[in-house]
C-alpha cells in the first residue's frame, strides 16, 4: 500500500516534466535538462513499482507457506487421530463392524472375528451378516438396519450363530456413518456378548417360577377345605340324580323324559366337577415361562373365577371392573396369575376379622397414562399403618402370626421383572389398595 501511495505523485510529476522536455525541443538550450528530469522521475517510479510488487510477492509467499504449514498440521492431526481410532477399534474387546445397507460386512475388528469364530477378515468381509444371525431374528435385524440407514440409531438383542455352530446372545448398538455431504454410506455397530446375562435372566425366571409353584401349592393346601366343599356339591348331586334315575327304572315309575332329565343333570354336575379338577391341575402344573401377549382383564377374571369357592367360604363379595381400550401386555401368564392370587388372598385374610362391616374385594384394571396397564386390588379390611406401607414388600415382613413374609416380596420381584412396579395406594377410608403396573406390549 505504501508503494502504491508513492506511485501516483511521481507519475503526476513525470508526465508534465516529460511533456516539458518534449516541448523543449523548440528551445534547444533547455531540451537536455527537461528530458533528463523526466527520465529520472520515470526511473524512480519504476523502481518503486518493482519494490511494491516484490513486497506483495513476499507477502503472498509467506501466506502460502503459512497455509501449507497449517494444512500439513491438520493432515498430521487427522492421520494421528485415524491411527488412534484404528488402534482403539483393533483393541476394543467388543465386536465393532461396518456394514452396508444390504447387510454386507465391510469390516470387522479382531474381537468380532473371534466372537464369530473367524480366523481372518477374509472369512467375513464381503459376506452378508444375515448368514450369522439366527433365523428367528433376521427380520428384526433387517428392520434395525433399515432404521439406521434412515438416520436413526438403533439397538437390538439377537442370537448369533458362529462359523463353528457356536450360539451366543448379542446386543448391538448401531448408528449411521455419514459422508461430508450428509449422505449415509454405512452402518457402524458395536456388539457385545450378553450370553451370560441372558442365562442369568433365564435362571432367575425359572427360580421365580419355582417359588410361584411353591406358593401355589401352599395356597392349595390352605384352600383344600373350600375345594373339597366345591367338589362335594356336584358329586352329591351326581349320586342323588343317578340313584333317582335307577329307582325309577327299577320300579318302572316315571316317564322316560324324567329319567333322561335326571341323567342330564347328573352329567352336567359331572362336567362341573371335572372342570374344578381341571382348574386345580392347570393351576399347579409346571407351565412354561415364555412371555406371551395377553389381555390383563382375561388374567384377572380367570384367577377370580378360580377363587370363587374361597370367596364364598369367607363371605367376601367380589367385583371385577375392566377398563375399555386397554393395551395388551407381554407377560409370563402363570407369574401374573400368581401376583393376582397373592394380592387377592391377602385381601381375603385381611378382611377375616371384619365382622362389623361388609367384606368386599374390588379389582379394577385401568390405563396408566404411559401406554401400560394398572391393576388395583382393594379390600375393606382394617388397612395398613402408614409406617408399614413400604416395608410390606421386604422379604420375611409379615403381619400374620403364622405368615412366611415371602408372598409380597415375590410379588414385587415378579412385577419388576416384567418392567412394572407395585405400591400401596392411600385410601380415604378403611381398607388397603395394592396397585401394580405392567408396560404395554411392544408393537411388532
Protein backbone atom coordinates (compact mmCIF):
# COMPACT_ATOMS: atom_id res chain seq x y z
CA UNK A 1 0.00 0.00 0.00
CA UNK A 2 2.93 2.38 0.77
CA UNK A 3 4.47 1.81 -2.67
CA UNK A 4 1.08 2.36 -4.31
CA UNK A 5 0.64 5.69 -2.48
CA UNK A 6 4.05 6.90 -3.70
CA UNK A 7 3.47 5.81 -7.29
CA UNK A 8 0.72 8.29 -8.14
CA UNK A 9 2.54 11.53 -7.08
CA UNK A 10 5.66 10.58 -9.01
CA UNK A 11 3.57 9.76 -12.05
CA UNK A 12 1.95 13.19 -11.69
CA UNK A 13 5.33 14.86 -11.84
CA UNK A 14 6.84 12.64 -14.54
CA UNK A 15 4.15 13.30 -17.12
CA UNK A 16 4.35 17.15 -17.16
CA UNK A 17 8.14 17.03 -17.00
CA UNK A 18 8.24 14.66 -19.97
CA UNK A 19 5.85 16.96 -21.84
CA UNK A 20 8.02 19.92 -20.89
CA UNK A 21 11.11 18.12 -22.14
CA UNK A 22 9.40 17.36 -25.42
CA UNK A 23 8.37 20.98 -25.82
CA UNK A 24 11.91 21.98 -25.00
CA UNK A 25 12.85 20.68 -28.39
CA UNK A 26 11.64 24.01 -29.63
CA UNK A 27 14.15 25.61 -27.27
CA UNK A 28 17.29 23.61 -27.92
CA UNK A 29 19.16 25.03 -24.92
CA UNK A 30 16.72 23.64 -22.30
CA UNK A 31 15.98 20.36 -24.06
CA UNK A 32 18.63 18.15 -22.36
CA UNK A 33 17.58 19.21 -18.89
CA UNK A 34 13.88 18.56 -19.45
CA UNK A 35 14.44 15.10 -20.89
CA UNK A 36 16.86 14.11 -18.13
CA UNK A 37 14.46 15.19 -15.40
CA UNK A 38 11.55 13.26 -16.97
CA UNK A 39 13.66 10.13 -17.36
CA UNK A 40 14.84 10.34 -13.75
CA UNK A 41 11.30 10.62 -12.46
CA UNK A 42 10.19 7.65 -14.55
CA UNK A 43 13.14 5.57 -13.34
CA UNK A 44 12.32 6.30 -9.69
CA UNK A 45 8.69 5.43 -10.27
CA UNK A 46 9.63 2.13 -11.95
CA UNK A 47 11.94 1.24 -9.07
CA UNK A 48 9.21 1.91 -6.51
CA UNK A 49 6.76 -0.14 -8.54
CA UNK A 50 9.12 -3.12 -8.69
CA UNK A 51 9.76 -2.86 -4.94
CA UNK A 52 6.00 -2.85 -4.25
CA UNK A 53 5.49 -5.92 -6.41
CA UNK A 54 8.34 -7.72 -4.65
CA UNK A 55 6.83 -6.88 -1.26
CA UNK A 56 3.43 -8.23 -2.32
CA UNK A 57 5.08 -11.33 -3.75
CA UNK A 58 6.94 -11.95 -0.48
CA UNK A 59 3.71 -11.46 1.47
CA UNK A 60 1.88 -13.93 -0.80
CA UNK A 61 4.71 -16.44 -0.44
CA UNK A 62 4.62 -16.10 3.35
CA UNK A 63 0.82 -16.53 3.42
CA UNK A 64 1.08 -19.58 1.18
CA UNK A 65 3.79 -21.03 3.41
CA UNK A 66 1.62 -20.49 6.48
CA UNK A 67 -1.37 -22.13 4.74
CA UNK A 68 0.73 -25.10 3.64
CA UNK A 69 2.12 -25.48 7.16
CA UNK A 70 -1.35 -25.32 8.70
CA UNK A 71 -2.71 -27.81 6.16
CA UNK A 72 0.13 -30.21 6.88
CA UNK A 73 -0.54 -29.89 10.61
CA UNK A 74 -4.23 -30.67 10.02
CA UNK A 75 -3.31 -33.66 7.87
CA UNK A 76 -0.88 -34.91 10.53
CA UNK A 77 -3.55 -34.48 13.21
CA UNK A 78 -6.12 -36.30 11.07
CA UNK A 79 -3.62 -39.09 10.39
CA UNK A 80 -2.81 -39.36 14.10
CA UNK A 81 -6.50 -39.42 15.01
CA UNK A 82 -7.17 -42.04 12.35
CA UNK A 83 -4.33 -44.17 13.67
CA UNK A 84 -5.55 -43.80 17.27
CA UNK A 85 -9.13 -44.64 16.22
CA UNK A 86 -7.90 -47.68 14.33
CA UNK A 87 -5.85 -48.76 17.36
CA UNK A 88 -8.88 -48.31 19.65
CA UNK A 89 -11.11 -50.33 17.32
CA UNK A 90 -8.50 -53.05 16.88
CA UNK A 91 -8.05 -53.42 20.65
CA UNK A 92 -11.73 -52.98 21.54
CA UNK A 93 -12.86 -56.12 23.43
CA UNK A 94 -16.33 -55.92 21.86
CA UNK A 95 -17.28 -56.55 18.26
CA UNK A 96 -17.07 -53.46 16.04
CA UNK A 97 -18.23 -53.82 12.46
CA UNK A 98 -19.07 -51.65 9.46
CA UNK A 99 -21.95 -52.88 7.33
CA UNK A 100 -23.59 -51.86 4.06
CA UNK A 101 -27.32 -51.30 3.60
CA UNK A 102 -27.81 -54.75 2.04
CA UNK A 103 -26.20 -56.45 5.04
CA UNK A 104 -22.74 -56.93 3.52
CA UNK A 105 -19.98 -56.77 6.15
CA UNK A 106 -17.40 -54.16 5.07
CA UNK A 107 -15.01 -54.53 8.02
CA UNK A 108 -14.81 -56.10 11.48
CA UNK A 109 -12.29 -55.86 14.32
CA UNK A 110 -10.40 -58.86 15.80
CA UNK A 111 -12.79 -59.17 18.76
CA UNK A 112 -15.72 -59.54 16.37
CA UNK A 113 -13.84 -62.12 14.31
CA UNK A 114 -13.20 -64.15 17.48
CA UNK A 115 -16.87 -63.99 18.52
CA UNK A 116 -17.97 -65.26 15.12
CA UNK A 117 -15.24 -67.96 15.07
CA UNK A 118 -13.46 -66.45 12.02
CA UNK A 119 -9.72 -66.84 11.53
CA UNK A 120 -9.20 -63.69 9.44
CA UNK A 121 -11.11 -60.80 7.90
CA UNK A 122 -11.36 -62.60 4.57
CA UNK A 123 -13.68 -65.15 6.22
CA UNK A 124 -16.20 -62.41 6.96
CA UNK A 125 -15.65 -59.27 4.88
CA UNK A 126 -17.83 -59.15 1.78
CA UNK A 127 -20.37 -61.62 3.13
CA UNK A 128 -23.89 -60.97 4.42
CA UNK A 129 -24.35 -60.53 8.16
CA UNK A 130 -27.68 -62.37 7.99
CA UNK A 131 -25.84 -65.66 7.49
CA UNK A 132 -24.64 -65.46 11.11
CA UNK A 133 -27.94 -64.44 12.70
CA UNK A 134 -30.47 -66.98 13.97
CA UNK A 135 -33.39 -67.34 11.58
CA UNK A 136 -36.00 -66.06 14.04
CA UNK A 137 -34.12 -62.77 14.49
CA UNK A 138 -33.25 -61.95 10.86
CA UNK A 139 -36.43 -59.96 10.30
CA UNK A 140 -35.81 -57.72 13.29
CA UNK A 141 -32.17 -57.26 12.26
CA UNK A 142 -33.30 -56.17 8.79
CA UNK A 143 -35.72 -53.67 10.36
CA UNK A 144 -32.91 -52.30 12.54
CA UNK A 145 -30.63 -51.89 9.50
CA UNK A 146 -33.37 -50.06 7.62
CA UNK A 147 -33.90 -47.62 10.51
CA UNK A 148 -30.16 -46.88 10.74
CA UNK A 149 -29.93 -46.08 7.02
CA UNK A 150 -32.89 -43.75 7.52
CA UNK A 151 -30.75 -41.83 10.01
CA UNK A 152 -31.87 -43.33 13.35
CA UNK A 153 -29.66 -45.03 15.97
CA UNK A 154 -30.98 -48.47 16.95
CA UNK A 155 -30.46 -51.26 19.49
CA UNK A 156 -31.28 -54.97 19.15
CA UNK A 157 -30.76 -58.24 21.00
CA UNK A 158 -30.39 -61.31 18.80
CA UNK A 159 -28.97 -64.80 18.77
CA UNK A 160 -25.78 -65.24 16.74
CA UNK A 161 -24.62 -68.50 15.15
CA UNK A 162 -20.84 -68.66 14.59
CA UNK A 163 -18.95 -70.37 11.80
CA UNK A 164 -18.48 -73.41 14.05
CA UNK A 165 -22.12 -73.50 15.11
CA UNK A 166 -21.48 -71.77 18.45
CA UNK A 167 -24.56 -69.84 19.56
CA UNK A 168 -24.37 -66.62 21.56
CA UNK A 169 -26.80 -63.90 22.60
CA UNK A 170 -25.63 -60.50 21.35
CA UNK A 171 -26.70 -56.91 21.99
CA UNK A 172 -25.84 -54.44 19.23
CA UNK A 173 -25.91 -50.64 19.19
CA UNK A 174 -25.87 -49.25 15.64
CA UNK A 175 -25.50 -45.70 14.25
CA UNK A 176 -25.27 -44.30 10.69
CA UNK A 177 -21.91 -43.31 9.19
CA UNK A 178 -22.24 -40.13 7.11
CA UNK A 179 -20.16 -38.64 4.31
CA UNK A 180 -19.19 -34.91 4.39
CA UNK A 181 -22.25 -34.12 2.26
CA UNK A 182 -24.55 -35.79 4.82
CA UNK A 183 -25.35 -38.97 2.89
CA UNK A 184 -25.28 -42.24 4.87
CA UNK A 185 -22.66 -44.58 3.47
CA UNK A 186 -22.58 -47.39 6.05
CA UNK A 187 -23.72 -48.61 9.46
CA UNK A 188 -21.35 -48.73 12.42
CA UNK A 189 -22.35 -51.32 15.01
CA UNK A 190 -20.81 -52.09 18.41
CA UNK A 191 -21.97 -55.53 19.58
CA UNK A 192 -21.37 -57.18 22.94
CA UNK A 193 -21.82 -60.76 24.09
CA UNK A 194 -24.70 -60.89 26.61
CA UNK A 195 -25.00 -64.68 26.78
CA UNK A 196 -24.16 -64.82 30.49
CA UNK A 197 -26.74 -62.13 31.24
CA UNK A 198 -29.43 -63.95 29.24
CA UNK A 199 -28.66 -67.21 31.03
CA UNK A 200 -28.83 -65.41 34.39
CA UNK A 201 -32.20 -63.93 33.41
CA UNK A 202 -33.47 -67.35 32.39
CA UNK A 203 -32.25 -68.85 35.68
CA UNK A 204 -34.00 -66.03 37.54
CA UNK A 205 -37.22 -66.71 35.64
CA UNK A 206 -37.02 -70.40 36.47
CA UNK A 207 -36.31 -69.55 40.13
CA UNK A 208 -39.32 -67.25 40.29
CA UNK A 209 -41.46 -69.91 38.65
CA UNK A 210 -40.33 -72.47 41.24
CA UNK A 211 -41.17 -70.08 44.08
CA UNK A 212 -44.52 -69.34 42.48
CA UNK A 213 -45.31 -73.06 42.24
CA UNK A 214 -44.36 -73.48 45.89
CA UNK A 215 -46.68 -70.66 46.90
CA UNK A 216 -49.46 -72.10 44.77
CA UNK A 217 -49.03 -75.47 46.45
CA UNK A 218 -49.18 -73.82 49.88
CA UNK A 219 -52.24 -71.87 48.79
CA UNK A 220 -53.92 -75.04 47.58
CA UNK A 221 -53.30 -76.64 50.96
CA UNK A 222 -54.96 -73.72 52.70
CA UNK A 223 -57.82 -73.75 50.20
CA UNK A 224 -58.32 -77.53 50.41
CA UNK A 225 -61.45 -77.26 52.59
CA UNK A 226 -63.12 -74.88 50.16
CA UNK A 227 -62.16 -77.03 47.18
CA UNK A 228 -63.46 -80.15 48.89
CA UNK A 229 -66.74 -78.34 49.51
CA UNK A 230 -66.90 -77.26 45.87
CA UNK A 231 -66.31 -80.84 44.69
CA UNK A 232 -68.73 -82.29 47.24
CA UNK A 233 -71.69 -80.41 45.77
CA UNK A 234 -71.51 -81.78 42.20
CA UNK A 235 -70.54 -85.26 43.43
CA UNK A 236 -73.52 -85.37 45.80
CA UNK A 237 -75.81 -84.19 43.02
CA UNK A 238 -74.44 -86.85 40.67
CA UNK A 239 -75.09 -89.58 43.23
CA UNK A 240 -78.61 -88.35 44.05
CA UNK A 241 -79.81 -87.88 40.48
CA UNK A 242 -78.22 -91.16 39.35
CA UNK A 243 -79.87 -93.10 42.19
CA UNK A 244 -83.20 -91.42 41.43
CA UNK A 245 -82.96 -92.46 37.81
CA UNK A 246 -82.09 -96.04 38.82
CA UNK A 247 -85.04 -96.23 41.24
CA UNK A 248 -87.45 -95.02 38.57
CA UNK A 249 -86.15 -97.59 36.11
CA UNK A 250 -86.28 -100.42 38.66
CA UNK A 251 -89.80 -99.53 39.78
CA UNK A 252 -90.92 -98.77 36.24
CA UNK A 253 -92.11 -95.43 37.54
CA UNK A 254 -91.86 -92.06 35.86
CA UNK A 255 -91.55 -91.27 32.22
CA UNK A 256 -88.52 -91.74 30.03
CA UNK A 257 -88.19 -87.97 29.85
CA UNK A 258 -87.87 -87.71 33.64
CA UNK A 259 -85.14 -90.36 33.71
CA UNK A 260 -83.32 -88.56 30.88
CA UNK A 261 -83.60 -85.23 32.75
CA UNK A 262 -82.10 -86.80 35.89
CA UNK A 263 -79.23 -88.30 33.93
CA UNK A 264 -78.67 -84.99 32.09
CA UNK A 265 -78.41 -83.12 35.42
CA UNK A 266 -76.01 -85.77 36.74
CA UNK A 267 -73.93 -85.44 33.58
CA UNK A 268 -73.82 -81.65 33.91
CA UNK A 269 -72.68 -81.93 37.55
CA UNK A 270 -70.00 -84.40 36.48
CA UNK A 271 -68.76 -81.85 33.95
CA UNK A 272 -68.71 -79.24 36.69
CA UNK A 273 -66.63 -81.48 38.95
CA UNK A 274 -64.26 -82.26 36.08
CA UNK A 275 -63.87 -78.54 35.41
CA UNK A 276 -62.92 -77.89 39.04
CA UNK A 277 -60.32 -80.67 38.97
CA UNK A 278 -59.01 -79.43 35.60
CA UNK A 279 -58.55 -75.92 37.02
CA UNK A 280 -56.68 -77.30 40.02
CA UNK A 281 -54.40 -79.37 37.80
CA UNK A 282 -53.64 -76.43 35.49
CA UNK A 283 -53.01 -74.14 38.43
CA UNK A 284 -50.47 -76.50 39.98
CA UNK A 285 -48.83 -77.66 36.75
CA UNK A 286 -45.31 -76.63 35.72
CA UNK A 287 -46.25 -74.30 32.92
CA UNK A 288 -43.70 -72.76 30.53
CA UNK A 289 -42.15 -69.39 31.41
CA UNK A 290 -42.08 -67.86 27.92
CA UNK A 291 -43.72 -64.48 27.65
CA UNK A 292 -46.97 -64.17 25.77
CA UNK A 293 -49.08 -61.23 24.69
CA UNK A 294 -52.25 -61.30 26.80
CA UNK A 295 -55.12 -59.12 27.98
CA UNK A 296 -54.83 -58.34 31.69
CA UNK A 297 -58.59 -58.45 32.08
CA UNK A 298 -58.69 -62.09 31.00
CA UNK A 299 -55.97 -62.99 33.53
CA UNK A 300 -57.85 -61.22 36.34
CA UNK A 301 -61.18 -62.85 35.51
CA UNK A 302 -59.55 -66.28 35.31
CA UNK A 303 -57.98 -66.01 38.78
CA UNK A 304 -61.16 -64.67 40.35
CA UNK A 305 -63.19 -67.48 38.78
CA UNK A 306 -60.82 -70.00 40.33
CA UNK A 307 -61.14 -68.34 43.77
CA UNK A 308 -64.94 -68.29 43.95
CA UNK A 309 -65.07 -71.16 46.47
CA UNK A 310 -62.74 -69.38 48.91
CA UNK A 311 -64.58 -66.09 48.47
CA UNK A 312 -67.91 -67.74 49.33
CA UNK A 313 -66.42 -69.54 52.33
CA UNK A 314 -65.21 -66.25 53.82
CA UNK A 315 -68.33 -64.29 52.89
CA UNK A 316 -66.49 -61.95 50.56
CA UNK A 317 -68.27 -60.24 47.67
CA UNK A 318 -66.02 -59.55 44.70
CA UNK A 319 -66.27 -57.24 41.70
CA UNK A 320 -64.04 -57.01 38.63
CA UNK A 321 -64.01 -53.84 36.52
CA UNK A 322 -62.01 -53.98 33.32
CA UNK A 323 -61.27 -50.68 31.60
CA UNK A 324 -62.01 -50.25 27.92
CA UNK A 325 -59.36 -49.97 25.24
CA UNK A 326 -56.51 -51.23 27.40
CA UNK A 327 -53.38 -52.33 25.54
CA UNK A 328 -52.26 -55.97 25.73
CA UNK A 329 -49.22 -56.77 27.86
CA UNK A 330 -46.27 -59.10 27.29
CA UNK A 331 -46.14 -61.39 30.33
CA UNK A 332 -45.48 -64.85 31.69
CA UNK A 333 -49.17 -65.62 32.35
CA UNK A 334 -48.65 -68.01 35.26
CA UNK A 335 -46.47 -65.46 37.08
CA UNK A 336 -49.04 -62.66 36.78
CA UNK A 337 -51.70 -65.15 37.91
CA UNK A 338 -49.55 -65.72 40.99
CA UNK A 339 -49.38 -61.95 41.61
CA UNK A 340 -53.17 -61.73 41.43
CA UNK A 341 -53.60 -64.77 43.69
CA UNK A 342 -51.21 -63.36 46.32
CA UNK A 343 -52.92 -59.98 46.41
CA UNK A 344 -56.44 -61.42 46.43
CA UNK A 345 -55.70 -63.94 49.19
CA UNK A 346 -54.00 -61.24 51.28
CA UNK A 347 -57.14 -59.12 50.91
CA UNK A 348 -59.40 -62.02 51.95
CA UNK A 349 -57.26 -62.73 55.02
CA UNK A 350 -57.17 -59.02 55.93
CA UNK A 351 -60.98 -58.95 55.98
CA UNK A 352 -61.33 -62.15 58.03
CA UNK A 353 -61.84 -60.20 61.27
CA UNK A 354 -64.13 -57.56 59.78
CA UNK A 355 -67.39 -58.91 61.22
CA UNK A 356 -68.98 -55.49 61.67
CA UNK A 357 -68.94 -54.44 58.01
CA UNK A 358 -69.32 -55.83 54.51
CA UNK A 359 -66.38 -57.73 53.11
CA UNK A 360 -65.73 -56.52 49.59
CA UNK A 361 -62.87 -57.28 47.22
CA UNK A 362 -62.73 -54.92 44.23
CA UNK A 363 -60.34 -55.34 41.33
CA UNK A 364 -60.02 -52.58 38.73
CA UNK A 365 -57.86 -52.57 35.60
CA UNK A 366 -57.09 -49.18 34.03
CA UNK A 367 -54.59 -47.40 31.82
CA UNK A 368 -51.52 -45.89 33.47
CA UNK A 369 -51.27 -42.89 31.13
CA UNK A 370 -47.99 -44.13 29.62
CA UNK A 371 -49.22 -46.87 27.32
CA UNK A 372 -49.33 -49.51 30.07
CA UNK A 373 -51.90 -51.04 32.42
CA UNK A 374 -52.50 -50.75 36.16
CA UNK A 375 -54.34 -53.29 38.31
CA UNK A 376 -55.76 -52.11 41.65
CA UNK A 377 -56.79 -54.66 44.30
CA UNK A 378 -58.84 -53.10 47.13
CA UNK A 379 -60.35 -54.58 50.30
CA UNK A 380 -62.44 -53.33 53.22
CA UNK A 381 -60.15 -54.65 55.94
CA UNK A 382 -58.51 -52.67 58.75
CA UNK A 383 -55.83 -51.24 56.47
CA UNK A 384 -52.09 -50.85 56.97
CA UNK A 385 -50.39 -48.35 59.27
CA UNK A 386 -48.77 -45.66 57.10
CA UNK A 387 -45.36 -46.51 58.57
CA UNK A 388 -45.58 -50.04 57.14
CA UNK A 389 -46.57 -49.20 53.54
CA UNK A 390 -43.06 -49.60 52.18
CA UNK A 391 -41.93 -52.42 54.47
CA UNK A 392 -44.62 -54.88 53.39
CA UNK A 393 -42.64 -55.75 50.23
CA UNK A 394 -39.47 -56.67 52.14
CA UNK A 395 -38.68 -60.41 52.49
CA UNK A 396 -39.88 -62.01 55.75
CA UNK A 397 -42.03 -59.00 56.69
CA UNK A 398 -45.48 -60.22 57.75
CA UNK A 399 -48.43 -59.06 59.83
CA UNK A 400 -49.78 -62.61 60.16
CA UNK A 401 -48.95 -64.75 63.21
CA UNK A 402 -48.11 -67.76 61.02
CA UNK A 403 -47.05 -65.93 57.84
CA UNK A 404 -43.79 -66.55 55.97
CA UNK A 405 -43.44 -62.96 54.78
CA UNK A 406 -42.49 -64.02 51.23
CA UNK A 407 -45.71 -63.53 49.28
CA UNK A 408 -45.44 -59.78 48.65
CA UNK A 409 -41.66 -59.95 48.21
CA UNK A 410 -42.08 -62.50 45.43
CA UNK A 411 -44.97 -60.45 44.03
CA UNK A 412 -42.73 -57.38 43.76
CA UNK A 413 -39.94 -59.44 42.19
CA UNK A 414 -42.31 -60.78 39.51
CA UNK A 415 -43.79 -57.36 38.72
CA UNK A 416 -40.39 -55.65 38.48
CA UNK A 417 -39.06 -58.46 36.26
CA UNK A 418 -41.90 -57.60 33.87
CA UNK A 419 -40.79 -53.95 33.78
CA UNK A 420 -43.53 -52.74 36.13
CA UNK A 421 -43.78 -51.65 39.75
CA UNK A 422 -46.06 -52.22 42.75
CA UNK A 423 -47.12 -49.92 45.56
CA UNK A 424 -49.71 -49.31 48.28
CA UNK A 425 -52.21 -46.62 47.37
CA UNK A 426 -53.58 -44.50 50.20
CA UNK A 427 -57.36 -44.61 50.63
CA UNK A 428 -59.64 -42.13 52.37
CA UNK A 429 -61.49 -44.79 54.41
CA UNK A 430 -60.80 -48.25 55.78
CA UNK A 431 -59.12 -50.93 53.76
CA UNK A 432 -56.00 -51.28 51.66
CA UNK A 433 -55.39 -50.89 47.93
CA UNK A 434 -52.42 -52.54 46.27
CA UNK A 435 -51.65 -51.38 42.74
CA UNK A 436 -49.22 -52.87 40.24
CA UNK A 437 -48.40 -51.70 36.73
CA UNK A 438 -47.28 -53.51 33.60
CA UNK A 439 -45.92 -51.88 30.41
CA UNK A 440 -47.87 -52.36 27.20
CA UNK A 441 -46.65 -54.95 24.70
CA UNK A 442 -44.28 -53.62 22.05
CA UNK A 443 -45.76 -53.38 18.58
CA UNK A 444 -44.49 -55.99 16.12
